[in-house]
């Protein structure tokens, strides 16, 4: 069935990868991207139709999973360039670190956090369409590696321009996500898992209930971007302040430089000193 919807739609992306019974698809994609053997995978943010219906009005729809009982993976799909993806990725990584650590726990014992951003726009100055980098952004676009954390950026426009080896299984997955029909047709003749994944996507897009949710999401996005200035309400501002504090706490745990923490969180040195004292960091 032909459909205007594909895996670049965040609702469909989560309905596919976050559906109970589809763990093998997420496992296959992550094994190829991360180049590791996954013996166990648990989808933490499992999405049912009911949950997706609640989120159709612009909720953040990250996909979160735990692999091999020790690595937390967070996947976000971004179609529009919101200009702050690197800082927001650090915010959410910090939140995951906080959520998955116990009071007084040493940094060395914290679980590994992997953040994966799939972008339908170009972000980094590198020519490669997949970048494995942990970033702390300042005005000079400097990069600082954070131990035990990894950030991945998959930039779809660069993928489209590259000379692609369709025999590569990771490229097959990216082609399916990007809805490159010609490459997907070649991929399904080479990879049974991709063939089954394509069939599952087609099945989902034919589901009347899910299509209704997709249409509502489309309407919300049109309304939101036509009146984006109205999005800055007090509730969001309060949420941002909480995010800044959580980020600062996590960055202190990572033993990062005070100046970098100030640049990322936009908090003053005095505010950070208070947080450090309050939480005995």
Protein backbone atom coordinates (compact mmCIF):
# COMPACT_ATOMS: atom_id res chain seq x y z
CA UNK A 1 0.00 0.00 0.00
CA UNK A 2 1.34 3.40 -0.95
CA UNK A 3 1.33 5.88 1.91
CA UNK A 4 2.63 9.36 2.49
CA UNK A 5 3.77 8.20 5.91
CA UNK A 6 7.18 6.64 6.51
CA UNK A 7 9.62 6.08 9.38
CA UNK A 8 10.67 9.75 9.31
CA UNK A 9 7.34 10.41 10.98
CA UNK A 10 8.10 10.22 14.70
CA UNK A 11 4.74 8.63 15.57
CA UNK A 12 5.25 5.85 13.01
CA UNK A 13 8.91 5.47 14.02
CA UNK A 14 7.93 4.81 17.63
CA UNK A 15 4.94 2.67 16.67
CA UNK A 16 7.34 0.47 14.69
CA UNK A 17 10.46 0.29 16.84
CA UNK A 18 8.62 0.65 20.17
CA UNK A 19 5.98 -2.02 19.54
CA UNK A 20 5.93 -5.18 21.64
CA UNK A 21 7.02 -8.02 19.39
CA UNK A 22 9.24 -5.79 17.23
CA UNK A 23 12.27 -6.00 19.48
CA UNK A 24 14.18 -7.95 16.80
CA UNK A 25 14.03 -4.95 14.47
CA UNK A 26 15.47 -2.55 17.05
CA UNK A 27 18.08 -5.17 18.01
CA UNK A 28 19.16 -5.55 14.37
CA UNK A 29 19.43 -1.78 13.80
CA UNK A 30 21.39 -1.18 17.02
CA UNK A 31 23.77 -4.09 16.45
CA UNK A 32 24.74 -2.63 13.09
CA UNK A 33 25.06 0.96 14.33
CA UNK A 34 26.84 0.25 17.61
CA UNK A 35 28.85 -2.70 16.25
CA UNK A 36 28.16 -4.85 19.29
CA UNK A 37 26.50 -8.19 19.93
CA UNK A 38 23.17 -7.72 21.71
CA UNK A 39 22.11 -10.73 23.76
CA UNK A 40 19.19 -9.01 25.47
CA UNK A 41 17.13 -5.96 24.62
CA UNK A 42 14.33 -4.38 26.62
CA UNK A 43 12.23 -1.57 25.21
CA UNK A 44 11.68 0.78 28.15
CA UNK A 45 9.36 3.22 26.37
CA UNK A 46 7.03 0.75 24.70
CA UNK A 47 4.38 2.50 22.60
CA UNK A 48 0.82 1.27 22.24
CA UNK A 49 -1.82 2.99 20.10
CA UNK A 50 -3.35 4.41 23.26
CA UNK A 51 -0.04 5.96 24.34
CA UNK A 52 0.63 7.34 20.88
CA UNK A 53 -2.83 8.90 20.82
CA UNK A 54 -2.02 10.78 24.03
CA UNK A 55 1.19 12.11 22.46
CA UNK A 56 -0.18 13.24 19.10
CA UNK A 57 -0.14 16.88 20.22
CA UNK A 58 3.57 17.36 20.06
CA UNK A 59 4.78 15.31 23.00
CA UNK A 60 8.42 14.27 23.07
CA UNK A 61 8.47 10.76 21.62
CA UNK A 62 11.89 9.38 22.39
CA UNK A 63 12.51 5.68 22.16
CA UNK A 64 14.42 4.29 25.12
CA UNK A 65 15.83 0.80 25.48
CA UNK A 66 18.20 -1.16 27.69
CA UNK A 67 20.63 -3.56 26.04
CA UNK A 68 22.59 -6.37 27.68
CA UNK A 69 21.30 -5.18 31.07
CA UNK A 70 23.87 -2.38 31.23
CA UNK A 71 23.56 0.11 28.37
CA UNK A 72 20.76 2.68 28.14
CA UNK A 73 19.99 3.77 24.57
CA UNK A 74 17.86 6.80 23.71
CA UNK A 75 16.78 7.43 20.10
CA UNK A 76 15.27 10.69 18.87
CA UNK A 77 14.07 11.47 15.36
CA UNK A 78 14.24 15.12 14.26
CA UNK A 79 12.85 16.30 10.91
CA UNK A 80 13.01 20.05 11.53
CA UNK A 81 16.19 21.83 12.56
CA UNK A 82 15.44 23.24 15.99
CA UNK A 83 18.95 24.73 16.23
CA UNK A 84 19.66 23.38 19.71
CA UNK A 85 19.77 19.61 19.17
CA UNK A 86 23.30 19.19 20.58
CA UNK A 87 22.52 21.00 23.82
CA UNK A 88 19.17 19.27 24.18
CA UNK A 89 20.86 15.91 23.63
CA UNK A 90 23.20 16.70 26.51
CA UNK A 91 20.21 17.75 28.64
CA UNK A 92 18.46 14.43 28.03
CA UNK A 93 21.66 12.44 28.52
CA UNK A 94 22.06 14.20 31.86
CA UNK A 95 18.51 13.30 32.79
CA UNK A 96 19.11 9.64 31.94
CA UNK A 97 22.29 9.64 34.01
CA UNK A 98 20.36 11.09 36.96
CA UNK A 99 17.46 8.67 36.55
CA UNK A 100 19.76 5.65 36.33
CA UNK A 101 22.09 6.49 39.20
CA UNK A 102 21.60 6.04 42.90
CA UNK A 103 22.40 8.63 45.56
CA UNK A 104 26.09 8.55 46.38
CA UNK A 105 26.91 6.25 43.48
CA UNK A 106 30.35 6.69 41.97
CA UNK A 107 30.50 7.84 38.35
CA UNK A 108 32.56 4.79 37.39
CA UNK A 109 29.63 2.52 38.26
CA UNK A 110 27.01 4.42 36.23
CA UNK A 111 25.48 2.66 33.24
CA UNK A 112 26.67 3.64 29.79
CA UNK A 113 24.35 6.10 28.07
CA UNK A 114 24.09 6.17 24.28
CA UNK A 115 22.14 8.97 22.59
CA UNK A 116 21.17 8.46 18.93
CA UNK A 117 19.82 11.37 16.88
CA UNK A 118 18.41 10.69 13.41
CA UNK A 119 18.20 14.05 11.62
CA UNK A 120 16.57 15.03 8.33
CA UNK A 121 18.87 18.05 8.11
CA UNK A 122 22.61 18.67 8.22
CA UNK A 123 24.14 19.52 11.57
CA UNK A 124 27.86 18.82 11.76
CA UNK A 125 30.70 20.00 9.57
CA UNK A 126 31.86 16.46 8.90
CA UNK A 127 31.13 14.95 5.48
CA UNK A 128 30.26 11.53 6.93
CA UNK A 129 26.54 10.85 7.35
CA UNK A 130 27.14 9.03 10.65
CA UNK A 131 29.09 10.79 13.38
CA UNK A 132 30.04 9.14 16.66
CA UNK A 133 30.84 12.01 18.97
CA UNK A 134 30.16 13.15 22.48
CA UNK A 135 29.75 16.87 22.31
CA UNK A 136 29.90 19.78 24.65
CA UNK A 137 29.13 22.85 22.60
CA UNK A 138 30.57 26.27 23.10
CA UNK A 139 30.79 29.21 20.74
CA UNK A 140 33.86 27.72 19.08
CA UNK A 141 32.14 24.36 18.45
CA UNK A 142 34.70 22.46 20.45
CA UNK A 143 34.14 18.82 21.31
CA UNK A 144 34.94 17.16 24.61
CA UNK A 145 34.73 13.41 25.09
CA UNK A 146 32.76 12.29 28.13
CA UNK A 147 33.78 8.92 29.48
CA UNK A 148 31.20 6.16 29.22
CA UNK A 149 28.80 8.26 27.13
CA UNK A 150 28.34 8.26 23.34
CA UNK A 151 26.29 10.46 21.05
CA UNK A 152 25.48 9.39 17.49
CA UNK A 153 24.19 11.67 14.74
CA UNK A 154 22.77 10.18 11.55
CA UNK A 155 22.26 12.96 8.98
CA UNK A 156 19.88 11.76 6.26
CA UNK A 157 20.65 14.47 3.64
CA UNK A 158 24.30 13.40 3.66
CA UNK A 159 23.22 9.77 3.31
CA UNK A 160 21.26 10.66 0.17
CA UNK A 161 24.32 12.28 -1.43
CA UNK A 162 26.78 9.55 -0.49
CA UNK A 163 27.82 6.60 -2.61
CA UNK A 164 25.99 3.87 -0.72
CA UNK A 165 26.94 0.22 -0.43
CA UNK A 166 23.51 -1.36 -0.16
CA UNK A 167 25.09 -4.66 0.91
CA UNK A 168 25.92 -2.98 4.21
CA UNK A 169 23.17 -3.85 6.70
CA UNK A 170 23.31 -0.50 8.49
CA UNK A 171 22.83 1.29 5.17
CA UNK A 172 19.83 -0.95 4.53
CA UNK A 173 18.26 0.21 7.79
CA UNK A 174 18.98 3.87 7.06
CA UNK A 175 17.47 3.48 3.57
CA UNK A 176 14.30 2.06 5.15
CA UNK A 177 14.11 4.92 7.65
CA UNK A 178 14.73 7.46 4.87
CA UNK A 179 12.10 5.78 2.66
CA UNK A 180 14.49 5.41 -0.30
CA UNK A 181 12.25 3.09 -2.27
CA UNK A 182 14.86 2.01 -4.82
CA UNK A 183 17.43 1.08 -2.18
CA UNK A 184 14.80 -0.60 -0.01
CA UNK A 185 13.70 -2.77 -2.94
CA UNK A 186 17.31 -3.91 -3.34
CA UNK A 187 17.73 -4.38 0.41
CA UNK A 188 14.73 -6.67 0.85
CA UNK A 189 16.21 -9.10 -1.69
CA UNK A 190 19.38 -9.30 0.40
CA UNK A 191 18.13 -9.16 3.98
CA UNK A 192 15.16 -11.10 5.36
CA UNK A 193 14.94 -8.86 8.41
CA UNK A 194 14.63 -5.74 6.25
CA UNK A 195 11.94 -7.49 4.16
CA UNK A 196 9.97 -8.31 7.32
CA UNK A 197 10.51 -4.78 8.66
CA UNK A 198 9.16 -3.25 5.42
CA UNK A 199 6.10 -5.50 5.63
CA UNK A 200 5.52 -4.41 9.24
CA UNK A 201 5.79 -0.71 8.30
CA UNK A 202 3.28 -1.24 5.47
CA UNK A 203 0.96 -3.01 7.90
CA UNK A 204 1.17 -0.16 10.40
CA UNK A 205 0.51 2.55 7.80
CA UNK A 206 -2.58 0.64 6.66
CA UNK A 207 -4.02 0.54 10.19
CA UNK A 208 -6.97 2.99 10.31
CA UNK A 209 -6.49 3.77 14.01
CA UNK A 210 -2.82 4.64 13.60
CA UNK A 211 -3.50 6.65 10.44
CA UNK A 212 -5.98 8.71 12.44
CA UNK A 213 -3.29 9.48 15.01
CA UNK A 214 -0.81 10.36 12.24
CA UNK A 215 -3.29 12.80 10.72
CA UNK A 216 -3.88 14.46 14.09
CA UNK A 217 -0.11 14.80 14.54
CA UNK A 218 0.14 16.42 11.10
CA UNK A 219 -2.55 18.93 12.04
CA UNK A 220 -0.86 19.74 15.35
CA UNK A 221 2.49 20.35 13.62
CA UNK A 222 0.92 22.65 11.03
CA UNK A 223 -0.81 24.66 13.75
CA UNK A 224 2.29 24.72 15.95
CA UNK A 225 4.70 25.95 13.31
CA UNK A 226 2.20 28.51 12.04
CA UNK A 227 2.07 30.00 15.51
CA UNK A 228 5.40 28.93 17.04
CA UNK A 229 5.73 32.08 19.11
CA UNK A 230 2.91 30.93 21.35
CA UNK A 231 4.90 27.89 22.42
CA UNK A 232 6.92 29.78 25.03
CA UNK A 233 4.69 29.58 28.05
CA UNK A 234 5.59 29.65 31.74
CA UNK A 235 5.34 25.89 32.10
CA UNK A 236 8.01 25.37 29.48
CA UNK A 237 10.26 27.93 31.10
CA UNK A 238 9.96 26.13 34.45
CA UNK A 239 10.73 22.85 32.71
CA UNK A 240 13.83 24.34 31.17
CA UNK A 241 15.09 25.46 34.56
CA UNK A 242 14.64 21.92 35.92
CA UNK A 243 16.49 20.55 32.89
CA UNK A 244 19.37 22.96 33.48
CA UNK A 245 19.69 21.83 37.09
CA UNK A 246 19.54 18.14 36.15
CA UNK A 247 22.14 18.73 33.45
CA UNK A 248 24.43 20.54 35.87
CA UNK A 249 24.15 17.73 38.43
CA UNK A 250 25.02 15.11 35.83
CA UNK A 251 27.91 17.14 34.44
CA UNK A 252 29.35 17.57 37.94
CA UNK A 253 29.12 13.79 38.34
CA UNK A 254 31.03 13.49 35.09
CA UNK A 255 33.71 15.74 36.65
CA UNK A 256 33.41 18.23 33.83
CA UNK A 257 34.94 21.68 33.83
CA UNK A 258 32.92 24.48 35.49
CA UNK A 259 33.26 26.73 32.43
CA UNK A 260 31.80 24.04 30.16
CA UNK A 261 28.90 23.51 32.56
CA UNK A 262 28.22 27.25 32.56
CA UNK A 263 28.22 27.37 28.75
CA UNK A 264 25.90 24.40 28.34
CA UNK A 265 23.39 25.21 31.11
CA UNK A 266 23.57 29.03 30.91
CA UNK A 267 23.67 29.06 34.71
CA UNK A 268 25.99 31.44 36.52
CA UNK A 269 28.97 30.26 38.53
CA UNK A 270 27.16 31.29 41.72
CA UNK A 271 24.08 29.23 40.77
CA UNK A 272 26.26 26.22 39.98
CA UNK A 273 28.15 26.53 43.26
CA UNK A 274 24.82 26.43 45.11
CA UNK A 275 23.77 23.29 43.22
CA UNK A 276 27.16 21.71 43.94
CA UNK A 277 26.82 22.46 47.65
CA UNK A 278 23.17 21.41 47.87
CA UNK A 279 23.76 18.00 46.31
CA UNK A 280 27.22 17.49 47.82
CA UNK A 281 28.85 17.13 44.40
